[in-house]
Amino acid sequence: MIAPAPAAEPTMRALSLETIGMTKIFGSLVALEDVSIKVEAGTFHALLGENGAGKSTLVKCIMGFYATNQGAVLLNGAEVPIHNPRDARAHGIGMVYQHFMLVPSLTGAENLVISRADAPAVIDWKKEMRALEEFLSRMPFRVPLDVPVSALAAGEKQKLEILKLLYLDQRLLILDEPTSVLTPGEADEMLGLLRGMAQRNEITVIMITHKFREVTSFCDSVSVLRRGRMVGGGKVVDLTTESMARMMIGDTQIRERAVRGAKPPGDTMLELAALYADDDEGLPALAQVNLKVHSGEIVGIAGVSGNGQSELVEVLSGQRQLSDGRIVIKQKPFEPNRDAFFRLKLPCENAFARNGDFQSVRRQCAACCAGARAFGRGGRPHRRQSMLRARFCLGRGNPRANHGAAQPRRGRTAGVGRSRRDSGTRGPRCRDVGRHDQLCRAAC
């Protein structure tokens, strides 16, 4: 009797990754200093750290977006040169970014096909759709491929991003806060499916996250960065949430939470009555939103990203047209326009971000201050009056001093008479976002 042949072991497709002495310096800032991590093949690895700890810098060095000052990347124990993202893709490393990198107007199938480096100039869609269906039959989850991406839910878009990397045969996936736009149920489903693929040695996953629940539920190991340095890590089963949090923040003293005091509601300062508004594609974004904000209250607007929070703020700041409903401030009807903001002395911070990103600081100051005297015919600001106003705002808010920027040269007046290269005429996209916001607050 012939003994049956032993079953063939599954092919190891997952990649192991190791960084040795990774260092990245931007001018005088040391973003990464001698960071070495090791991720075993077929594992789910978490990368933890506070904002600014160097997590994104590290993965961008691995992906080839940044050229490191020092260090090396090893895949399956062998050093590989990665000079750009194309090299990373060739070695089987792919990344899912925090924000979707899909073309909204194209379908899922079109997004997948055009992501290939060898996509033909003339696409045989019957052939491609057969290949895509065969590919999806091997995947643990599916998404509709014949629907425009703009019509997909956030969870389906995130799945499509991951499917795109698997379609490109990427065997080491780097996920940058992949669950930030997902509900807890969607997050658990997606991470559970990826963990299953990792356990089958099909892929290796590195995930940047701040959520300890996801780390303890799905990850095998963890590395912790603080201020650009590797400060700890290990197997998740050997660590507690408290120990991981302590590694993240170090010796920083955590303040005790303030005790909430009972306080009767004050006068109604803001009332929203049955607000309706559409998004940029004409689809309903707000439907019958009712809200009252009383004096002395701090009201938070919660929800998963993409569920109308931004549209609500844009309606209140005059950036988006209201389809129906009314806004009442201090018991009086409110129309969000320059005159109303100026009359009620309301901050117009970010009120002109949608169409003013490339406007000069002088024009933004004139717009934010809403002073009619600063504008001439056709809504154009008077150069001298708006420049004087910008100079006053810069002097009062002093964003240059607060952010350590270089001061104007001697013999030149800050604001008036400066060349177009100087800050008085540069758009806020050319400047630090925090500095621009502070300028807008000073202007108002």
Protein backbone atom coordinates (compact mmCIF):
# COMPACT_ATOMS: atom_id res chain seq x y z
CA MET A 1 0.00 0.00 0.00
CA ILE A 2 1.43 3.34 -1.03
CA ALA A 3 1.43 5.91 1.75
CA PRO A 4 -0.18 9.21 0.81
CA ALA A 5 2.21 12.01 0.10
CA PRO A 6 2.47 14.57 2.92
CA ALA A 7 0.47 17.72 2.38
CA ALA A 8 2.53 20.57 1.01
CA GLU A 9 3.18 23.35 3.47
CA PRO A 10 1.60 26.66 2.54
CA THR A 11 3.93 28.98 0.70
CA MET A 12 5.33 31.76 2.86
CA ARG A 13 4.37 34.94 1.02
CA ALA A 14 4.50 37.34 3.96
CA LEU A 15 7.62 39.47 4.33
CA SER A 16 9.63 40.15 7.45
CA LEU A 17 10.93 43.70 7.89
CA GLU A 18 13.69 45.18 9.96
CA THR A 19 15.01 48.73 10.18
CA ILE A 20 18.51 49.27 11.52
CA GLY A 21 19.61 52.65 12.92
CA MET A 22 17.04 54.65 10.95
CA THR A 23 17.82 58.36 11.27
CA LYS A 24 16.15 61.31 9.54
CA ILE A 25 17.06 64.97 10.10
CA PHE A 26 15.18 68.00 8.77
CA GLY A 27 17.47 71.00 9.22
CA SER A 28 17.93 71.34 12.98
CA LEU A 29 15.10 68.89 13.76
CA VAL A 30 15.99 65.27 14.41
CA ALA A 31 12.75 63.54 13.45
CA LEU A 32 14.16 60.00 13.83
CA GLU A 33 17.21 59.00 15.82
CA ASP A 34 18.69 55.52 15.51
CA VAL A 35 15.33 53.73 15.28
CA SER A 36 15.50 49.95 14.90
CA ILE A 37 12.37 47.80 14.78
CA LYS A 38 11.82 44.19 13.79
CA VAL A 39 8.57 42.80 12.38
CA GLU A 40 8.30 39.05 11.91
CA ALA A 41 6.70 37.66 8.75
CA GLY A 42 3.01 36.89 9.02
CA THR A 43 2.42 39.08 12.09
CA PHE A 44 0.24 42.09 12.84
CA HIS A 45 2.51 44.79 14.28
CA ALA A 46 1.38 48.04 15.91
CA LEU A 47 3.40 51.27 15.80
CA LEU A 48 2.48 53.46 18.76
CA GLY A 49 3.43 56.99 19.77
CA GLU A 50 2.05 60.44 20.43
CA ASN A 51 1.54 62.94 17.62
CA GLY A 52 4.98 64.04 16.44
CA ALA A 53 6.72 60.94 17.82
CA GLY A 54 8.08 60.03 14.37
CA LYS A 55 5.73 57.22 13.31
CA SER A 56 4.78 58.73 9.95
CA THR A 57 8.39 59.76 9.31
CA LEU A 58 9.53 56.19 9.92
CA VAL A 59 7.04 54.59 7.54
CA LYS A 60 7.73 57.25 4.90
CA CYS A 61 11.42 56.38 5.12
CA ILE A 62 10.52 52.70 4.68
CA MET A 63 8.33 53.60 1.70
CA GLY A 64 11.04 55.73 0.09
CA PHE A 65 9.24 59.07 0.38
CA TYR A 66 12.12 60.37 2.52
CA ALA A 67 15.80 59.72 1.95
CA THR A 68 17.28 58.71 5.29
CA ASN A 69 20.44 60.29 6.66
CA GLN A 70 21.42 56.95 8.11
CA GLY A 71 20.09 53.42 8.42
CA ALA A 72 19.00 50.45 6.38
CA VAL A 73 15.88 48.40 5.57
CA LEU A 74 16.00 44.61 5.58
CA LEU A 75 13.36 42.38 3.98
CA ASN A 76 13.50 38.69 4.84
CA GLY A 77 16.92 39.31 6.38
CA ALA A 78 18.50 40.90 3.29
CA GLU A 79 19.21 44.61 2.92
CA VAL A 80 17.29 46.23 0.08
CA PRO A 81 17.80 49.71 -1.39
CA ILE A 82 14.60 51.80 -1.36
CA HIS A 83 15.11 55.20 -2.95
CA ASN A 84 11.50 55.97 -3.85
CA PRO A 85 7.97 54.52 -3.57
CA ARG A 86 8.46 52.68 -6.86
CA ASP A 87 11.29 50.68 -5.28
CA ALA A 88 9.09 49.91 -2.26
CA ARG A 89 6.31 48.65 -4.53
CA ALA A 90 8.76 46.48 -6.46
CA HIS A 91 9.83 44.85 -3.18
CA GLY A 92 6.21 44.17 -2.18
CA ILE A 93 5.67 47.01 0.31
CA GLY A 94 2.45 49.02 0.08
CA MET A 95 0.82 51.67 2.24
CA VAL A 96 -2.77 52.64 3.00
CA TYR A 97 -2.83 56.31 3.90
CA GLN A 98 -5.01 58.01 6.47
CA HIS A 99 -6.94 59.77 3.70
CA PHE A 100 -8.30 57.90 0.71
CA MET A 101 -6.09 57.90 -2.40
CA LEU A 102 -8.86 56.95 -4.82
CA VAL A 103 -10.35 58.79 -7.79
CA PRO A 104 -13.93 59.55 -6.65
CA SER A 105 -15.42 59.81 -10.14
CA LEU A 106 -14.11 56.40 -11.25
CA THR A 107 -15.53 53.01 -10.33
CA GLY A 108 -13.78 50.53 -8.08
CA ALA A 109 -12.70 48.46 -11.09
CA GLU A 110 -11.25 51.51 -12.85
CA ASN A 111 -9.32 52.52 -9.72
CA LEU A 112 -7.81 49.06 -9.44
CA VAL A 113 -6.78 48.77 -13.09
CA ILE A 114 -5.21 52.23 -13.40
CA SER A 115 -3.15 51.60 -10.24
CA ARG A 116 -1.07 49.05 -12.14
CA ALA A 117 2.21 50.19 -13.59
CA ASP A 118 1.53 48.06 -16.68
CA ALA A 119 -2.01 49.30 -17.30
CA PRO A 120 -2.58 49.35 -21.08
CA ALA A 121 -3.40 52.53 -22.95
CA VAL A 122 -6.49 50.85 -24.39
CA ILE A 123 -8.18 48.68 -21.76
CA ASP A 124 -10.08 45.51 -22.66
CA TRP A 125 -12.70 45.77 -19.93
CA LYS A 126 -14.24 42.36 -20.50
CA LYS A 127 -10.87 40.74 -19.94
CA GLU A 128 -10.06 42.97 -16.96
CA MET A 129 -13.42 42.35 -15.28
CA ARG A 130 -12.95 38.57 -15.59
CA ALA A 131 -9.51 38.91 -14.00
CA LEU A 132 -10.89 41.13 -11.23
CA GLU A 133 -13.70 38.69 -10.44
CA GLU A 134 -11.18 35.86 -10.21
CA PHE A 135 -9.03 38.04 -7.92
CA LEU A 136 -11.97 38.91 -5.65
CA SER A 137 -12.90 35.23 -5.35
CA ARG A 138 -9.60 34.71 -3.50
CA MET A 139 -10.00 37.71 -1.21
CA PRO A 140 -11.62 37.62 2.25
CA PHE A 141 -13.89 40.57 1.45
CA ARG A 142 -15.52 42.16 -1.57
CA VAL A 143 -16.62 45.60 -2.67
CA PRO A 144 -18.87 46.57 -5.60
CA LEU A 145 -16.60 47.29 -8.56
CA ASP A 146 -19.18 48.86 -10.86
CA VAL A 147 -20.10 51.74 -8.53
CA PRO A 148 -18.30 55.13 -8.48
CA VAL A 149 -16.06 55.51 -5.44
CA SER A 150 -17.94 58.65 -4.43
CA ALA A 151 -21.05 56.50 -3.83
CA LEU A 152 -19.26 54.00 -1.57
CA ALA A 153 -19.43 54.10 2.21
CA ALA A 154 -16.27 54.90 4.18
CA GLY A 155 -15.79 51.26 5.13
CA GLU A 156 -16.06 50.14 1.50
CA LYS A 157 -13.53 52.77 0.42
CA GLN A 158 -11.07 51.56 3.05
CA LYS A 159 -11.55 47.97 1.89
CA LEU A 160 -10.97 49.08 -1.70
CA GLU A 161 -7.69 50.74 -0.65
CA ILE A 162 -6.54 47.47 0.90
CA LEU A 163 -7.76 45.44 -2.09
CA LYS A 164 -5.74 47.75 -4.34
CA LEU A 165 -2.53 46.81 -2.51
CA LEU A 166 -3.38 43.11 -2.59
CA TYR A 167 -4.24 43.43 -6.29
CA LEU A 168 -0.75 44.88 -6.82
CA ASP A 169 0.68 41.85 -4.95
CA GLN A 170 1.96 43.86 -2.00
CA ARG A 171 2.85 41.44 0.79
CA LEU A 172 3.75 43.93 3.53
CA LEU A 173 0.98 46.41 4.23
CA ILE A 174 1.54 49.64 6.20
CA LEU A 175 -1.72 51.12 7.50
CA ASP A 176 -1.72 54.73 8.72
CA GLU A 177 -4.60 54.99 11.22
CA PRO A 178 -6.89 52.95 8.96
CA THR A 179 -9.89 53.03 11.30
CA SER A 180 -10.10 56.79 11.84
CA VAL A 181 -13.07 57.07 9.43
CA LEU A 182 -14.71 53.75 10.32
CA THR A 183 -17.32 52.82 12.88
CA PRO A 184 -16.17 50.33 15.58
CA GLY A 185 -18.03 47.52 13.81
CA GLU A 186 -16.43 48.30 10.44
CA ALA A 187 -13.01 48.59 12.07
CA ASP A 188 -13.31 45.24 13.82
CA GLU A 189 -14.46 43.53 10.61
CA MET A 190 -11.62 44.93 8.51
CA LEU A 191 -8.85 44.34 11.07
CA GLY A 192 -10.16 40.84 11.78
CA LEU A 193 -9.97 39.93 8.09
CA LEU A 194 -6.42 41.31 7.80
CA ARG A 195 -5.37 39.44 10.92
CA GLY A 196 -6.70 36.24 9.38
CA MET A 197 -4.62 36.81 6.25
CA ALA A 198 -1.55 37.47 8.40
CA GLN A 199 -2.09 34.25 10.36
CA ARG A 200 -2.19 32.37 7.05
CA ASN A 201 1.21 33.91 6.21
CA GLU A 202 -0.25 35.72 3.22
CA ILE A 203 0.71 39.22 4.38
CA THR A 204 2.50 41.13 7.13
CA VAL A 205 0.77 44.20 8.57
CA ILE A 206 2.23 47.28 10.27
CA MET A 207 -0.45 49.57 11.68
CA ILE A 208 -0.08 53.09 13.07
CA THR A 209 -2.81 53.61 15.64
CA HIS A 210 -3.69 55.39 18.88
CA LYS A 211 -6.41 52.95 19.91
CA PHE A 212 -5.28 50.49 22.55
CA ARG A 213 -8.41 48.37 22.06
CA GLU A 214 -7.35 47.61 18.50
CA VAL A 215 -3.80 46.84 19.61
CA THR A 216 -4.84 44.37 22.30
CA SER A 217 -7.52 42.76 20.09
CA PHE A 218 -5.70 42.29 16.77
CA CYS A 219 -1.96 42.91 17.07
CA ASP A 220 0.79 40.39 17.85
CA SER A 221 3.58 42.83 18.71
CA VAL A 222 4.14 46.52 19.23
CA SER A 223 6.88 49.14 18.90
CA VAL A 224 6.64 52.47 20.71
CA LEU A 225 8.25 55.74 19.56
CA ARG A 226 8.68 58.87 21.62
CA ARG A 227 10.29 62.09 20.35
CA GLY A 228 11.86 60.30 17.41
CA ARG A 229 13.37 57.45 19.41
CA MET A 230 12.47 53.82 19.95
CA VAL A 231 11.60 53.55 23.65
CA GLY A 232 10.09 50.09 23.99
CA GLY A 233 7.95 47.33 22.60
CA GLY A 234 7.37 43.60 22.73
CA LYS A 235 4.64 41.02 22.46
CA VAL A 236 1.17 42.39 23.10
CA VAL A 237 0.33 39.47 25.43
CA ASP A 238 3.19 40.53 27.70
CA LEU A 239 2.15 44.20 27.90
CA THR A 240 -0.69 46.06 29.54
CA THR A 241 -2.48 49.14 28.32
CA GLU A 242 -0.96 51.11 31.20
CA SER A 243 2.60 50.04 30.32
CA MET A 244 2.13 50.97 26.65
CA ALA A 245 0.67 54.36 27.61
CA ARG A 246 3.58 54.97 29.98
CA MET A 247 6.07 54.21 27.21
CA MET A 248 4.26 56.66 24.93
CA ILE A 249 4.21 59.63 27.32
CA GLY A 250 7.27 58.90 29.46
CA ASP A 251 7.48 60.79 32.75
CA THR A 252 4.88 63.36 31.77
CA GLN A 253 2.49 63.94 34.63
CA ILE A 254 -1.11 63.32 33.65
CA ARG A 255 -3.40 65.96 35.07
CA GLU A 256 -6.44 64.91 36.95
CA ARG A 257 -9.70 65.50 35.16
CA ALA A 258 -11.56 68.59 36.24
CA VAL A 259 -14.63 67.96 38.31
CA ARG A 260 -17.82 68.83 36.47
CA GLY A 261 -20.07 71.12 38.41
CA ALA A 262 -23.83 71.33 38.14
CA LYS A 263 -24.84 74.52 36.43
CA PRO A 264 -28.26 75.65 35.28
CA PRO A 265 -28.45 76.41 31.54
CA GLY A 266 -28.07 80.06 30.61
CA ASP A 267 -29.69 82.03 27.85
CA THR A 268 -29.92 80.46 24.40
CA MET A 269 -27.08 81.95 22.36
CA LEU A 270 -27.39 79.82 19.22
CA GLU A 271 -30.35 77.92 17.83
CA LEU A 272 -30.44 75.80 14.70
CA ALA A 273 -33.91 74.95 13.47
CA ALA A 274 -34.39 72.19 10.85
CA LEU A 275 -31.24 72.86 8.82
CA TYR A 276 -30.97 71.23 5.41
CA ALA A 277 -27.91 71.40 3.13
CA ASP A 278 -26.35 69.45 0.26
CA ASP A 279 -22.74 68.35 -0.16
CA ASP A 280 -20.49 69.25 -3.10
CA GLU A 281 -22.09 66.57 -5.27
CA GLY A 282 -25.66 67.67 -4.60
CA LEU A 283 -26.46 64.83 -2.21
CA PRO A 284 -28.10 65.52 1.17
CA ALA A 285 -25.47 66.31 3.81
CA LEU A 286 -27.68 67.80 6.54
CA ALA A 287 -31.30 66.86 7.17
CA GLN A 288 -33.42 68.50 9.87
CA VAL A 289 -30.55 69.41 12.20
CA ASN A 290 -31.83 71.00 15.41
CA LEU A 291 -29.51 72.31 18.09
CA LYS A 292 -29.52 74.79 20.97
CA VAL A 293 -26.37 76.16 22.58
CA HIS A 294 -26.74 78.01 25.86
CA SER A 295 -24.50 80.60 27.44
CA GLY A 296 -21.47 79.05 29.15
CA GLU A 297 -21.75 75.70 27.35
CA ILE A 298 -19.10 73.84 25.38
CA VAL A 299 -20.86 71.71 22.77
CA GLY A 300 -19.06 68.97 20.87
CA ILE A 301 -20.19 67.71 17.45
CA ALA A 302 -19.33 64.00 17.35
CA GLY A 303 -19.50 61.40 14.62
CA VAL A 304 -17.45 59.39 12.17
CA SER A 305 -15.74 61.53 9.54
CA GLY A 306 -17.93 62.26 6.52
CA ASN A 307 -21.27 62.37 8.33
CA GLY A 308 -21.99 66.08 7.99
CA GLN A 309 -19.81 67.73 10.64
CA SER A 310 -17.79 69.72 8.10
CA GLU A 311 -20.91 70.70 6.16
CA LEU A 312 -22.53 71.97 9.36
CA VAL A 313 -19.53 74.16 10.16
CA GLU A 314 -19.47 75.43 6.58
CA VAL A 315 -23.15 76.36 6.78
CA LEU A 316 -22.60 78.27 10.02
CA SER A 317 -19.58 80.10 8.60
CA GLY A 318 -21.28 81.04 5.32
CA GLN A 319 -19.24 78.72 3.12
CA ARG A 320 -22.14 76.46 2.15
CA GLN A 321 -25.63 77.43 1.00
CA LEU A 322 -28.48 76.47 3.30
CA SER A 323 -31.27 74.57 1.53
CA ASP A 324 -33.82 75.10 4.30
CA GLY A 325 -34.02 75.99 7.95
CA ARG A 326 -32.94 78.98 9.98
CA ILE A 327 -30.15 80.09 12.29
CA VAL A 328 -30.87 82.27 15.32
CA ILE A 329 -28.22 84.02 17.41
CA LYS A 330 -29.22 85.86 20.58
CA GLN A 331 -32.90 85.51 19.68
CA LYS A 332 -32.39 87.22 16.30
CA PRO A 333 -32.30 85.66 12.82
CA PHE A 334 -28.75 85.25 11.54
CA GLU A 335 -27.49 85.24 7.95
CA PRO A 336 -23.84 84.07 7.82
CA ASN A 337 -22.19 86.86 5.83
CA ARG A 338 -19.44 89.42 6.39
CA ASP A 339 -21.72 92.11 7.75
CA ALA A 340 -23.31 89.76 10.28
CA PHE A 341 -19.95 88.44 11.48
CA PHE A 342 -18.61 91.98 11.82
CA ARG A 343 -21.75 93.31 13.55
CA LEU A 344 -21.89 90.51 16.13
CA LYS A 345 -18.08 90.42 16.52
CA LEU A 346 -17.97 86.72 15.70
CA PRO A 347 -14.65 85.12 14.69
CA CYS A 348 -14.50 84.37 10.98
CA GLU A 349 -11.64 81.93 11.37
CA ASN A 350 -11.54 79.54 8.37
CA ALA A 351 -14.58 81.28 6.93
CA PHE A 352 -12.83 81.88 3.62
CA ALA A 353 -10.69 78.74 3.49
CA ARG A 354 -12.65 77.20 0.62
CA ASN A 355 -11.90 79.98 -1.83
CA GLY A 356 -9.12 81.95 -0.16
CA ASP A 357 -6.25 79.49 0.15
CA PHE A 358 -4.33 81.29 -2.56
CA GLN A 359 -5.33 84.82 -1.60
CA SER A 360 -2.70 87.07 -0.08
CA VAL A 361 -2.59 87.68 3.67
CA ARG A 362 -3.51 91.31 2.93
CA ARG A 363 -6.70 90.26 1.13
CA GLN A 364 -7.54 87.69 3.79
CA CYS A 365 -7.18 90.29 6.54
CA ALA A 366 -9.43 92.67 4.65
CA ALA A 367 -11.99 89.90 4.09
CA CYS A 368 -11.91 88.64 7.66
CA CYS A 369 -12.18 92.08 9.19
CA ALA A 370 -15.17 92.74 6.91
CA GLY A 371 -14.58 96.45 6.99
CA ALA A 372 -16.41 98.03 4.06
CA ARG A 373 -13.84 100.83 3.91
CA ALA A 374 -11.15 98.31 3.01
CA PHE A 375 -12.96 97.34 -0.20
CA GLY A 376 -13.36 99.19 -3.43
CA ARG A 377 -15.34 98.54 -6.59
CA GLY A 378 -15.95 94.94 -7.52
CA GLY A 379 -15.09 93.76 -4.02
CA ARG A 380 -11.39 94.46 -4.49
CA PRO A 381 -9.59 95.68 -1.37
CA HIS A 382 -8.01 99.12 -1.39
CA ARG A 383 -4.31 98.38 -1.40
CA ARG A 384 -3.21 100.98 1.14
CA GLN A 385 -6.09 100.59 3.60
CA SER A 386 -6.06 96.78 3.52
CA MET A 387 -2.27 96.72 3.87
CA LEU A 388 -2.46 99.01 6.89
CA ARG A 389 -5.07 96.73 8.38
CA ALA A 390 -2.87 93.68 7.74
CA ARG A 391 0.05 95.50 9.35
CA PHE A 392 -2.08 96.25 12.41
CA CYS A 393 -3.22 92.63 12.69
CA LEU A 394 0.31 91.31 12.32
CA GLY A 395 1.49 93.66 15.04
CA ARG A 396 -1.35 92.80 17.41
CA GLY A 397 -1.36 89.03 16.88
CA ASN A 398 2.43 88.93 16.40
CA PRO A 399 2.36 85.49 14.75
CA ARG A 400 5.95 85.91 13.67
CA ALA A 401 7.25 86.26 17.21
CA ASN A 402 5.10 83.45 18.54
CA HIS A 403 6.30 81.01 15.93
CA GLY A 404 9.95 81.93 15.90
CA ALA A 405 9.96 83.22 12.33
CA ALA A 406 12.58 85.63 11.11
CA GLN A 407 11.83 89.32 11.64
CA PRO A 408 11.83 91.82 8.74
CA ARG A 409 15.14 93.37 7.79
CA ARG A 410 16.08 96.69 9.28
CA GLY A 411 14.94 99.69 7.34
CA ARG A 412 11.82 97.95 6.06
CA THR A 413 8.37 98.43 7.49
CA ALA A 414 6.47 95.28 8.38
CA GLY A 415 3.59 95.11 5.95
CA VAL A 416 3.66 98.41 4.04
CA GLY A 417 5.95 98.74 1.07
CA ARG A 418 7.16 95.15 1.15
CA SER A 419 7.75 93.13 -1.98
CA ARG A 420 5.35 90.42 -3.13
CA ARG A 421 7.78 87.84 -1.78
CA ASP A 422 7.13 89.00 1.79
CA SER A 423 4.43 87.64 4.06
CA GLY A 424 2.01 90.52 3.53
CA THR A 425 1.24 89.28 0.02
CA ARG A 426 1.74 85.55 0.34
CA GLY A 427 -1.23 83.24 0.50
CA PRO A 428 -1.80 81.19 3.64
CA ARG A 429 -0.88 77.97 1.81
CA CYS A 430 2.67 79.32 1.76
CA ARG A 431 2.64 79.71 5.53
CA ASP A 432 2.20 77.56 8.61
CA VAL A 433 -1.47 76.72 9.22
CA GLY A 434 -1.29 77.60 12.90
CA ARG A 435 0.27 80.96 12.11
CA HIS A 436 -2.47 81.72 9.60
CA ASP A 437 -5.21 80.80 12.09
CA GLN A 438 -3.62 83.04 14.71
CA LEU A 439 -3.49 85.87 12.20
CA CYS A 440 -7.18 85.45 11.43
CA ARG A 441 -8.05 85.55 15.12
CA ALA A 442 -6.03 88.72 15.55
CA ALA A 443 -7.74 90.27 12.55
CA CYS A 444 -11.15 89.71 14.08
